[in-house]
Amino acid sequence: GNIITRQLRGKTWEEFHGEGLPDSISDVLRKETLNERDEGKNIARYRLEATLTFINCEEDAADKRGGHHCLHIRVPASHKRQTLLNQLEITKKHLESVSSKSQRELCTLLRDLSSDDLNKRIETIEQRLHQLDNEQGSDEWVLFNGPNVSSTVVEDALAFHVSFKEPCIITYRQVDEPEENDCFPLSSKIDIPCSIMNSPLHSESDDFSDLVAFDAEFVQVQFEDSILTASGSKMVLREGRNALGRMSLIDCRTGRTIVDDHVLPRESVVDYLTRFSGIKPSDLNPQISPHHLISSKTAYLKMRYLVDRGCIFVGHGLSQDFLTVNIFVPPSQIIDTSDIFSLERRRLISLRFLVNYLLGKDMQQEVHDSVEDSLAACQLYLKALELKRNGTFENVLLEIYDCGQRIDWKVGELKSDGRSVS
């Protein structure tokens, strides 16, 4: 009457025993199994493939809804080889683009990579593939916990005895199938209809270029929990978490707004961060919101559609935005103005400071607006291209740092300092 999970490791089956089932259920299962054997039916064996669990972050609270999901999944040994093959293909494409100087002209995050760097990467991948051919790999377990992905063990996937972990979905696969079926296809793209981009600002018949400016605003769905240690330092017990609250996309070649959607988070909002995001509670209320409101899933699919389409994203400090949206964008499709206007081992420059200094525009408000910020990033990128064509980019960048240090990076002091680049 016990729950027994048999785990196949290599050629050996290991057993994990859990709590017992009620006798009535055990009797029914045992009788059904005996009947199938008597009738000559094949008894299939199944192997644990994945577990989706809910991690309760509010264990002692009356409301048990606070928390998030995490996924444990078995990754076949063939996955590693296919992943390396995909990396090899992508790296070779980057090598072709670098040879044609397109990455340097676009100022993507790969602009500083040379052909030698990419050739070394190709050589490393090919050596790793050769090693895999000569060794017998075993399946691995991987944990997906928000944006964090890490290796784990099957014991962690089966650890349902802890009070904060609640199983939601447990997936098994029949192991009596042919070995060649014991893998899953790897694809970097999913089939998303272009109608996903439809909004009051954009219809399916409209078209836009492959260069888009992106910015997002966020709301908080979990407060940070921290304490002060005996030494007076801060110890974080639980990280605060943000969720996407608004996203804006602008066509850099036409200046037209493609997307300006407010996003309804799946979790309850604990702080709308209005003083920074400009988002108010009514903006995310489906009954009274004056904005085009979409779900987090739709927002992700819009971003994923643009990534798969090959669009290049222009923005300022995009890494944190992409992390919160929970999407991976290849470096060859990212143009980050915070990276372009930076010097090694020097502080990053804020969007407000750059816009006020380089564009001569008054951008002093504390409240962010994703449409304004994405448009500003687009204009900064075009300004960088202009300065590079004129051969003055390096000198202007040094002037920006000198000016910032002189006025302690206070935007309000720029006018009195009389600095502006036209």
Protein backbone atom coordinates (compact mmCIF):
# COMPACT_ATOMS: atom_id res chain seq x y z
CA GLY A 1 0.00 0.00 0.00
CA ASN A 2 3.00 2.34 -0.15
CA ILE A 3 3.66 4.82 -2.94
CA ILE A 4 6.83 3.60 -4.63
CA THR A 5 8.64 5.56 -7.34
CA ARG A 6 11.22 3.66 -9.33
CA GLN A 7 13.91 5.80 -10.86
CA LEU A 8 16.03 4.45 -13.76
CA ARG A 9 19.66 5.48 -13.39
CA GLY A 10 21.77 4.08 -16.18
CA LYS A 11 20.78 0.40 -16.20
CA THR A 12 19.76 0.23 -12.53
CA TRP A 13 16.32 0.96 -11.07
CA GLU A 14 16.28 2.70 -7.70
CA GLU A 15 13.23 2.84 -5.46
CA PHE A 16 11.86 5.78 -3.47
CA HIS A 17 9.19 5.01 -0.87
CA GLY A 18 6.58 7.55 0.13
CA GLU A 19 3.58 7.57 2.46
CA GLY A 20 1.09 4.75 2.19
CA LEU A 21 -2.17 4.92 0.27
CA PRO A 22 -5.48 4.13 2.01
CA ASP A 23 -6.15 0.38 2.10
CA SER A 24 -9.27 0.71 -0.05
CA ILE A 25 -7.30 2.32 -2.90
CA SER A 26 -4.39 -0.08 -2.53
CA ASP A 27 -6.73 -3.10 -2.76
CA VAL A 28 -8.34 -1.78 -5.95
CA LEU A 29 -4.96 -1.10 -7.61
CA ARG A 30 -3.56 -4.50 -6.60
CA LYS A 31 -6.63 -6.35 -7.84
CA GLU A 32 -6.63 -4.47 -11.15
CA THR A 33 -2.95 -5.28 -11.69
CA LEU A 34 -3.50 -8.99 -11.00
CA ASN A 35 -6.46 -9.09 -13.38
CA GLU A 36 -4.38 -7.53 -16.18
CA ARG A 37 -1.62 -10.08 -15.65
CA ASP A 38 -4.10 -12.95 -15.71
CA GLU A 39 -5.52 -11.62 -18.98
CA GLY A 40 -2.05 -11.54 -20.53
CA LYS A 41 -1.88 -7.77 -20.80
CA ASN A 42 1.49 -6.07 -20.85
CA ILE A 43 2.38 -4.11 -17.75
CA ALA A 44 4.00 -0.85 -18.80
CA ARG A 45 6.77 0.76 -16.79
CA TYR A 46 6.97 4.51 -16.41
CA ARG A 47 9.81 6.84 -15.54
CA LEU A 48 9.55 10.19 -13.79
CA GLU A 49 10.13 13.00 -16.30
CA ALA A 50 9.13 16.25 -14.59
CA THR A 51 7.51 17.76 -11.52
CA LEU A 52 5.85 21.16 -11.30
CA THR A 53 5.63 22.36 -7.72
CA PHE A 54 4.34 25.42 -5.91
CA ILE A 55 6.79 27.00 -3.48
CA ASN A 56 4.83 28.63 -0.68
CA CYS A 57 6.62 31.77 0.50
CA GLU A 58 4.01 32.54 3.16
CA GLU A 59 4.20 29.35 5.19
CA ASP A 60 3.05 30.88 8.46
CA ALA A 61 0.53 33.31 6.98
CA ALA A 62 -3.20 32.73 6.88
CA ASP A 63 -3.25 33.45 3.15
CA LYS A 64 -1.32 30.62 1.47
CA ARG A 65 -1.41 32.12 -2.03
CA GLY A 66 1.93 33.90 -1.81
CA GLY A 67 4.63 32.01 -3.68
CA HIS A 68 5.71 30.83 -7.09
CA HIS A 69 6.07 27.72 -9.23
CA CYS A 70 9.25 25.87 -10.07
CA LEU A 71 9.93 23.04 -12.49
CA HIS A 72 12.19 20.00 -12.15
CA ILE A 73 12.72 18.22 -15.46
CA ARG A 74 14.79 15.36 -16.76
CA VAL A 75 17.03 16.39 -19.66
CA PRO A 76 18.10 13.52 -21.95
CA ALA A 77 21.78 13.08 -22.68
CA SER A 78 21.03 13.79 -26.34
CA HIS A 79 19.92 17.29 -25.36
CA LYS A 80 23.48 18.39 -24.53
CA ARG A 81 24.75 17.36 -27.95
CA GLN A 82 21.88 19.06 -29.75
CA THR A 83 22.38 22.23 -27.71
CA LEU A 84 26.05 22.35 -28.69
CA LEU A 85 25.12 21.83 -32.34
CA ASN A 86 22.68 24.76 -32.10
CA GLN A 87 25.40 26.92 -30.51
CA LEU A 88 27.80 25.93 -33.28
CA GLU A 89 25.31 26.97 -35.96
CA ILE A 90 24.58 30.31 -34.28
CA THR A 91 28.28 31.08 -33.74
CA LYS A 92 29.03 30.42 -37.40
CA LYS A 93 26.24 32.83 -38.38
CA HIS A 94 27.74 35.46 -36.07
CA LEU A 95 31.13 34.89 -37.70
CA GLU A 96 29.61 35.62 -41.11
CA SER A 97 27.94 38.80 -39.83
CA VAL A 98 31.17 40.03 -38.18
CA SER A 99 33.02 39.42 -41.41
CA SER A 100 30.52 41.67 -43.17
CA LYS A 101 30.85 44.24 -40.32
CA SER A 102 27.07 44.37 -39.83
CA GLN A 103 27.35 43.85 -36.06
CA ARG A 104 29.85 46.67 -35.71
CA GLU A 105 27.69 49.02 -37.74
CA LEU A 106 24.60 48.15 -35.68
CA CYS A 107 26.45 48.45 -32.33
CA THR A 108 24.94 45.27 -30.92
CA LEU A 109 26.47 43.58 -27.88
CA LEU A 110 28.64 41.53 -30.24
CA ARG A 111 30.25 44.55 -31.86
CA ASP A 112 33.56 44.06 -30.00
CA LEU A 113 33.92 40.38 -30.87
CA SER A 114 36.55 39.65 -33.49
CA SER A 115 36.68 36.81 -35.97
CA ASP A 116 39.42 35.23 -33.83
CA ASP A 117 37.14 35.23 -30.77
CA LEU A 118 34.37 33.47 -32.67
CA ASN A 119 36.76 30.99 -34.28
CA LYS A 120 38.04 30.04 -30.82
CA ARG A 121 34.46 29.55 -29.67
CA ILE A 122 33.76 27.30 -32.67
CA GLU A 123 36.89 25.27 -31.92
CA THR A 124 35.83 24.84 -28.27
CA ILE A 125 32.35 23.65 -29.23
CA GLU A 126 33.73 21.17 -31.75
CA GLN A 127 36.13 19.76 -29.12
CA ARG A 128 33.25 19.34 -26.67
CA LEU A 129 31.19 17.55 -29.31
CA HIS A 130 34.10 15.20 -29.95
CA GLN A 131 34.31 14.45 -26.21
CA LEU A 132 30.60 13.65 -26.06
CA ASP A 133 31.00 11.21 -28.94
CA ASN A 134 33.61 9.30 -26.93
CA GLU A 135 31.74 9.15 -23.64
CA GLN A 136 28.44 7.62 -22.59
CA GLY A 137 26.34 10.43 -21.21
CA SER A 138 23.52 10.05 -18.71
CA ASP A 139 20.34 12.02 -18.24
CA GLU A 140 20.48 15.11 -16.05
CA TRP A 141 17.94 16.88 -13.87
CA VAL A 142 17.51 20.64 -14.21
CA LEU A 143 15.65 23.08 -11.96
CA PHE A 144 13.81 26.07 -13.46
CA ASN A 145 13.14 28.51 -10.63
CA GLY A 146 11.97 31.80 -12.11
CA PRO A 147 14.75 33.12 -14.35
CA ASN A 148 17.31 30.92 -12.59
CA VAL A 149 18.25 27.60 -14.18
CA SER A 150 20.54 25.17 -12.35
CA SER A 151 21.51 21.51 -12.21
CA THR A 152 19.86 19.39 -9.54
CA VAL A 153 19.22 15.77 -8.55
CA VAL A 154 16.13 13.59 -8.71
CA GLU A 155 15.92 13.55 -4.89
CA ASP A 156 15.17 17.27 -4.97
CA ALA A 157 12.41 16.71 -7.53
CA LEU A 158 10.85 14.09 -5.25
CA ALA A 159 11.23 16.04 -1.98
CA PHE A 160 7.55 16.55 -1.22
CA HIS A 161 7.97 16.03 2.52
CA VAL A 162 8.92 19.68 3.13
CA SER A 163 6.03 21.89 4.20
CA PHE A 164 6.66 24.76 1.78
CA LYS A 165 6.62 22.59 -1.37
CA GLU A 166 3.34 21.44 -2.90
CA PRO A 167 3.23 19.19 -6.00
CA CYS A 168 0.98 20.45 -8.81
CA ILE A 169 1.81 18.31 -11.86
CA ILE A 170 3.88 15.12 -12.00
CA THR A 171 4.75 13.76 -15.45
CA TYR A 172 5.80 10.20 -16.29
CA ARG A 173 6.87 8.62 -19.54
CA GLN A 174 6.55 5.02 -20.58
CA VAL A 175 10.04 3.54 -20.76
CA ASP A 176 9.13 0.47 -22.85
CA GLU A 177 9.15 2.61 -26.01
CA PRO A 178 11.96 2.37 -28.57
CA GLU A 179 15.12 4.15 -27.45
CA GLU A 180 15.09 6.58 -30.38
CA ASN A 181 11.81 8.03 -29.07
CA ASP A 182 13.35 8.77 -25.68
CA CYS A 183 14.16 12.37 -26.50
CA PHE A 184 12.36 15.56 -27.32
CA PRO A 185 12.93 17.91 -30.24
CA LEU A 186 14.92 21.06 -29.62
CA SER A 187 13.79 24.19 -31.38
CA SER A 188 14.65 27.81 -30.72
CA LYS A 189 11.37 29.00 -32.21
CA ILE A 190 7.70 28.46 -31.51
CA ASP A 191 4.82 29.00 -33.89
CA ILE A 192 3.27 32.35 -32.90
CA PRO A 193 0.72 33.99 -35.25
CA CYS A 194 1.46 37.57 -36.27
CA SER A 195 -2.00 38.52 -34.96
CA ILE A 196 -0.48 38.43 -31.46
CA MET A 197 0.84 41.94 -32.20
CA ASN A 198 -2.67 43.34 -32.76
CA SER A 199 -3.54 46.28 -30.51
CA PRO A 200 -5.24 49.67 -30.81
CA LEU A 201 -1.90 51.02 -32.09
CA HIS A 202 -1.11 48.20 -34.50
CA SER A 203 -3.12 45.86 -36.70
CA GLU A 204 -2.06 42.71 -38.50
CA SER A 205 -1.97 44.55 -41.82
CA ASP A 206 0.55 47.07 -40.47
CA ASP A 207 4.25 46.41 -40.91
CA PHE A 208 7.28 47.55 -38.95
CA SER A 209 11.04 47.35 -39.34
CA ASP A 210 13.45 44.94 -37.70
CA LEU A 211 14.85 47.69 -35.43
CA VAL A 212 12.60 48.40 -32.43
CA ALA A 213 13.11 50.41 -29.25
CA PHE A 214 11.87 48.73 -26.07
CA ASP A 215 11.20 49.84 -22.51
CA ALA A 216 9.13 48.45 -19.68
CA GLU A 217 7.73 49.50 -16.32
CA PHE A 218 7.32 47.13 -13.40
CA VAL A 219 5.21 46.60 -10.29
CA GLN A 220 6.24 44.72 -7.17
CA VAL A 221 4.60 41.38 -6.36
CA GLN A 222 6.75 40.41 -3.39
CA PHE A 223 8.42 42.55 -0.75
CA GLU A 224 12.00 41.98 0.23
CA ASP A 225 12.34 40.34 3.64
CA SER A 226 15.57 41.20 5.47
CA ILE A 227 17.07 41.55 8.92
CA LEU A 228 20.02 43.34 10.47
CA THR A 229 22.79 41.09 11.74
CA ALA A 230 24.73 41.62 14.95
CA SER A 231 27.42 43.43 12.95
CA GLY A 232 24.86 45.88 11.59
CA SER A 233 24.92 44.49 8.06
CA LYS A 234 21.79 43.62 6.13
CA MET A 235 20.91 39.99 5.51
CA VAL A 236 18.27 39.31 2.84
CA LEU A 237 16.00 36.42 3.81
CA ARG A 238 13.78 36.66 0.76
CA GLU A 239 14.39 38.65 -2.40
CA GLY A 240 11.80 41.12 -3.57
CA ARG A 241 10.24 40.31 -6.94
CA ASN A 242 8.86 42.54 -9.67
CA ALA A 243 6.47 41.76 -12.50
CA LEU A 244 5.87 43.43 -15.85
CA GLY A 245 3.27 46.20 -15.59
CA ARG A 246 3.68 48.04 -18.92
CA MET A 247 5.64 47.53 -22.12
CA SER A 248 6.25 49.87 -25.04
CA LEU A 249 7.83 49.26 -28.45
CA ILE A 250 8.70 51.87 -31.07
CA ASP A 251 9.76 51.40 -34.68
CA CYS A 252 13.19 53.08 -34.75
CA ARG A 253 13.07 53.73 -38.49
CA THR A 254 9.69 55.52 -38.47
CA GLY A 255 9.33 56.64 -34.84
CA ARG A 256 5.87 55.07 -34.72
CA THR A 257 4.65 53.40 -31.52
CA ILE A 258 3.96 49.74 -32.25
CA VAL A 259 2.97 48.56 -28.77
CA ASP A 260 1.96 50.38 -25.61
CA ASP A 261 0.23 47.81 -23.42
CA HIS A 262 -0.40 47.62 -19.71
CA VAL A 263 0.13 44.12 -18.37
CA LEU A 264 -1.93 42.39 -15.68
CA PRO A 265 0.43 40.31 -13.49
CA ARG A 266 -0.55 36.79 -12.53
CA GLU A 267 0.27 37.50 -8.89
CA SER A 268 -1.24 40.06 -6.56
CA VAL A 269 0.50 43.43 -6.67
CA VAL A 270 1.90 44.57 -3.32
CA ASP A 271 3.31 47.89 -4.58
CA TYR A 272 2.55 49.63 -7.88
CA LEU A 273 5.78 51.66 -7.57
CA THR A 274 3.81 54.62 -8.93
CA ARG A 275 6.53 57.10 -7.96
CA PHE A 276 8.84 55.35 -10.46
CA SER A 277 6.64 53.46 -12.92
CA GLY A 278 3.76 55.91 -13.22
CA ILE A 279 1.38 52.94 -12.93
CA LYS A 280 -1.66 53.41 -10.68
CA PRO A 281 -3.97 50.67 -9.31
CA SER A 282 -6.74 51.72 -11.70
CA ASP A 283 -4.41 51.21 -14.68
CA LEU A 284 -4.30 47.46 -14.02
CA ASN A 285 -7.96 47.07 -13.08
CA PRO A 286 -9.71 45.26 -15.98
CA GLN A 287 -13.04 46.90 -15.14
CA ILE A 288 -11.95 50.54 -15.17
CA SER A 289 -8.54 50.67 -16.85
CA PRO A 290 -8.41 53.26 -19.68
CA HIS A 291 -5.46 51.41 -21.25
CA HIS A 292 -5.10 48.39 -23.49
CA LEU A 293 -4.68 45.66 -20.88
CA ILE A 294 -3.14 42.27 -21.71
CA SER A 295 -2.07 39.19 -19.77
CA SER A 296 1.52 38.34 -18.85
CA LYS A 297 1.36 35.42 -21.29
CA THR A 298 0.33 37.68 -24.18
CA ALA A 299 3.11 40.13 -23.31
CA TYR A 300 5.65 37.31 -23.37
CA LEU A 301 4.34 35.99 -26.69
CA LYS A 302 4.63 39.45 -28.24
CA MET A 303 8.26 39.68 -27.15
CA ARG A 304 8.96 36.11 -28.25
CA TYR A 305 7.39 36.81 -31.66
CA LEU A 306 9.74 39.75 -32.17
CA VAL A 307 12.77 37.75 -31.01
CA ASP A 308 11.96 34.87 -33.38
CA ARG A 309 11.32 37.38 -36.16
CA GLY A 310 14.92 38.54 -35.76
CA CYS A 311 14.12 42.04 -34.53
CA ILE A 312 16.94 44.01 -32.92
CA PHE A 313 16.00 45.67 -29.62
CA VAL A 314 17.26 49.14 -28.72
CA GLY A 315 17.01 50.26 -25.12
CA HIS A 316 18.81 51.50 -22.02
CA GLY A 317 19.72 48.88 -19.40
CA LEU A 318 17.87 46.10 -21.20
CA SER A 319 19.32 43.17 -19.23
CA GLN A 320 17.12 43.82 -16.19
CA ASP A 321 14.05 44.37 -18.36
CA PHE A 322 14.54 41.07 -20.19
CA LEU A 323 15.20 39.29 -16.89
CA THR A 324 11.91 40.48 -15.40
CA VAL A 325 10.00 39.66 -18.59
CA ASN A 326 11.72 36.24 -18.28
CA ILE A 327 12.89 36.06 -21.88
CA PHE A 328 16.27 35.41 -23.45
CA VAL A 329 17.29 37.69 -26.30
CA PRO A 330 20.47 36.78 -28.23
CA PRO A 331 23.27 39.36 -27.82
CA SER A 332 23.26 39.84 -31.59
CA GLN A 333 19.73 41.28 -31.24
CA ILE A 334 20.49 43.76 -28.44
CA ILE A 335 21.63 47.36 -28.76
CA ASP A 336 22.00 48.78 -25.26
CA THR A 337 22.74 52.49 -25.08
CA SER A 338 23.98 52.12 -21.48
CA ASP A 339 26.67 49.84 -22.92
CA ILE A 340 27.43 52.04 -25.96
CA PHE A 341 27.90 55.20 -23.86
CA SER A 342 30.23 53.65 -21.29
CA LEU A 343 33.91 53.36 -20.51
CA GLU A 344 35.53 50.29 -19.00
CA ARG A 345 35.62 50.31 -15.19
CA ARG A 346 33.60 53.53 -15.06
CA ARG A 347 30.07 53.99 -13.81
CA LEU A 348 27.11 53.55 -16.15
CA ILE A 349 25.36 56.76 -17.18
CA SER A 350 21.63 57.19 -16.65
CA LEU A 351 19.23 57.68 -19.52
CA ARG A 352 18.13 61.06 -18.15
CA PHE A 353 21.68 62.40 -18.04
CA LEU A 354 22.50 61.27 -21.58
CA VAL A 355 19.27 62.67 -23.03
CA ASN A 356 19.74 66.03 -21.32
CA TYR A 357 23.40 66.24 -22.32
CA LEU A 358 23.39 64.84 -25.86
CA LEU A 359 19.90 65.71 -27.09
CA GLY A 360 19.38 68.92 -25.11
CA LYS A 361 15.95 67.71 -23.98
CA ASP A 362 14.50 68.33 -20.55
CA MET A 363 14.03 64.86 -19.08
CA GLN A 364 14.08 65.57 -15.37
CA GLN A 365 10.87 63.96 -14.16
CA GLU A 366 11.18 61.20 -11.56
CA VAL A 367 8.25 59.19 -12.97
CA HIS A 368 9.25 56.98 -15.87
CA ASP A 369 7.18 56.67 -19.03
CA SER A 370 8.01 53.63 -21.14
CA VAL A 371 7.03 55.30 -24.43
CA GLU A 372 9.18 58.34 -23.70
CA ASP A 373 12.08 56.21 -22.46
CA SER A 374 12.05 53.86 -25.47
CA LEU A 375 11.92 56.84 -27.86
CA ALA A 376 14.80 58.48 -25.97
CA ALA A 377 16.90 55.31 -26.23
CA CYS A 378 16.20 55.20 -29.97
CA GLN A 379 17.30 58.81 -30.40
CA LEU A 380 20.44 58.18 -28.34
CA TYR A 381 21.33 55.25 -30.57
CA LEU A 382 20.90 57.36 -33.71
CA LYS A 383 23.03 60.06 -32.08
CA ALA A 384 25.76 57.50 -31.37
CA LEU A 385 25.77 56.43 -35.02
CA GLU A 386 26.04 60.08 -36.08
CA LEU A 387 28.98 60.71 -33.72
CA LYS A 388 30.74 57.54 -34.91
CA ARG A 389 30.34 58.57 -38.56
CA ASN A 390 31.79 62.00 -37.70
CA GLY A 391 34.70 60.39 -35.84
CA THR A 392 33.91 62.33 -32.66
CA PHE A 393 32.28 59.63 -30.54
CA GLU A 394 35.27 58.87 -28.26
CA ASN A 395 35.95 62.55 -27.55
CA VAL A 396 32.30 63.27 -26.78
CA LEU A 397 32.10 60.28 -24.45
CA LEU A 398 35.11 61.53 -22.50
CA GLU A 399 33.48 64.97 -22.28
CA ILE A 400 30.30 63.38 -20.87
CA TYR A 401 32.25 61.64 -18.10
CA ASP A 402 34.24 64.78 -17.31
CA CYS A 403 31.06 66.85 -17.11
CA GLY A 404 29.27 64.22 -14.99
CA GLN A 405 32.09 64.08 -12.46
CA ARG A 406 32.30 67.86 -12.31
CA ILE A 407 28.60 68.31 -11.46
CA ASP A 408 28.28 65.04 -9.50
CA TRP A 409 25.96 63.63 -12.19
CA LYS A 410 23.13 65.99 -11.22
CA VAL A 411 20.89 66.49 -14.22
CA GLY A 412 19.62 69.82 -12.94
CA GLU A 413 23.15 71.24 -13.08
CA LEU A 414 23.59 70.60 -16.83
CA LYS A 415 21.92 73.85 -17.91
CA SER A 416 24.02 75.97 -15.57
CA ASP A 417 27.09 74.09 -16.76
CA GLY A 418 26.16 75.01 -20.33
CA ARG A 419 26.91 71.59 -21.76
CA SER A 420 25.02 70.31 -24.80
CA VAL A 421 26.08 68.51 -27.93
CA SER A 422 24.17 69.26 -31.09
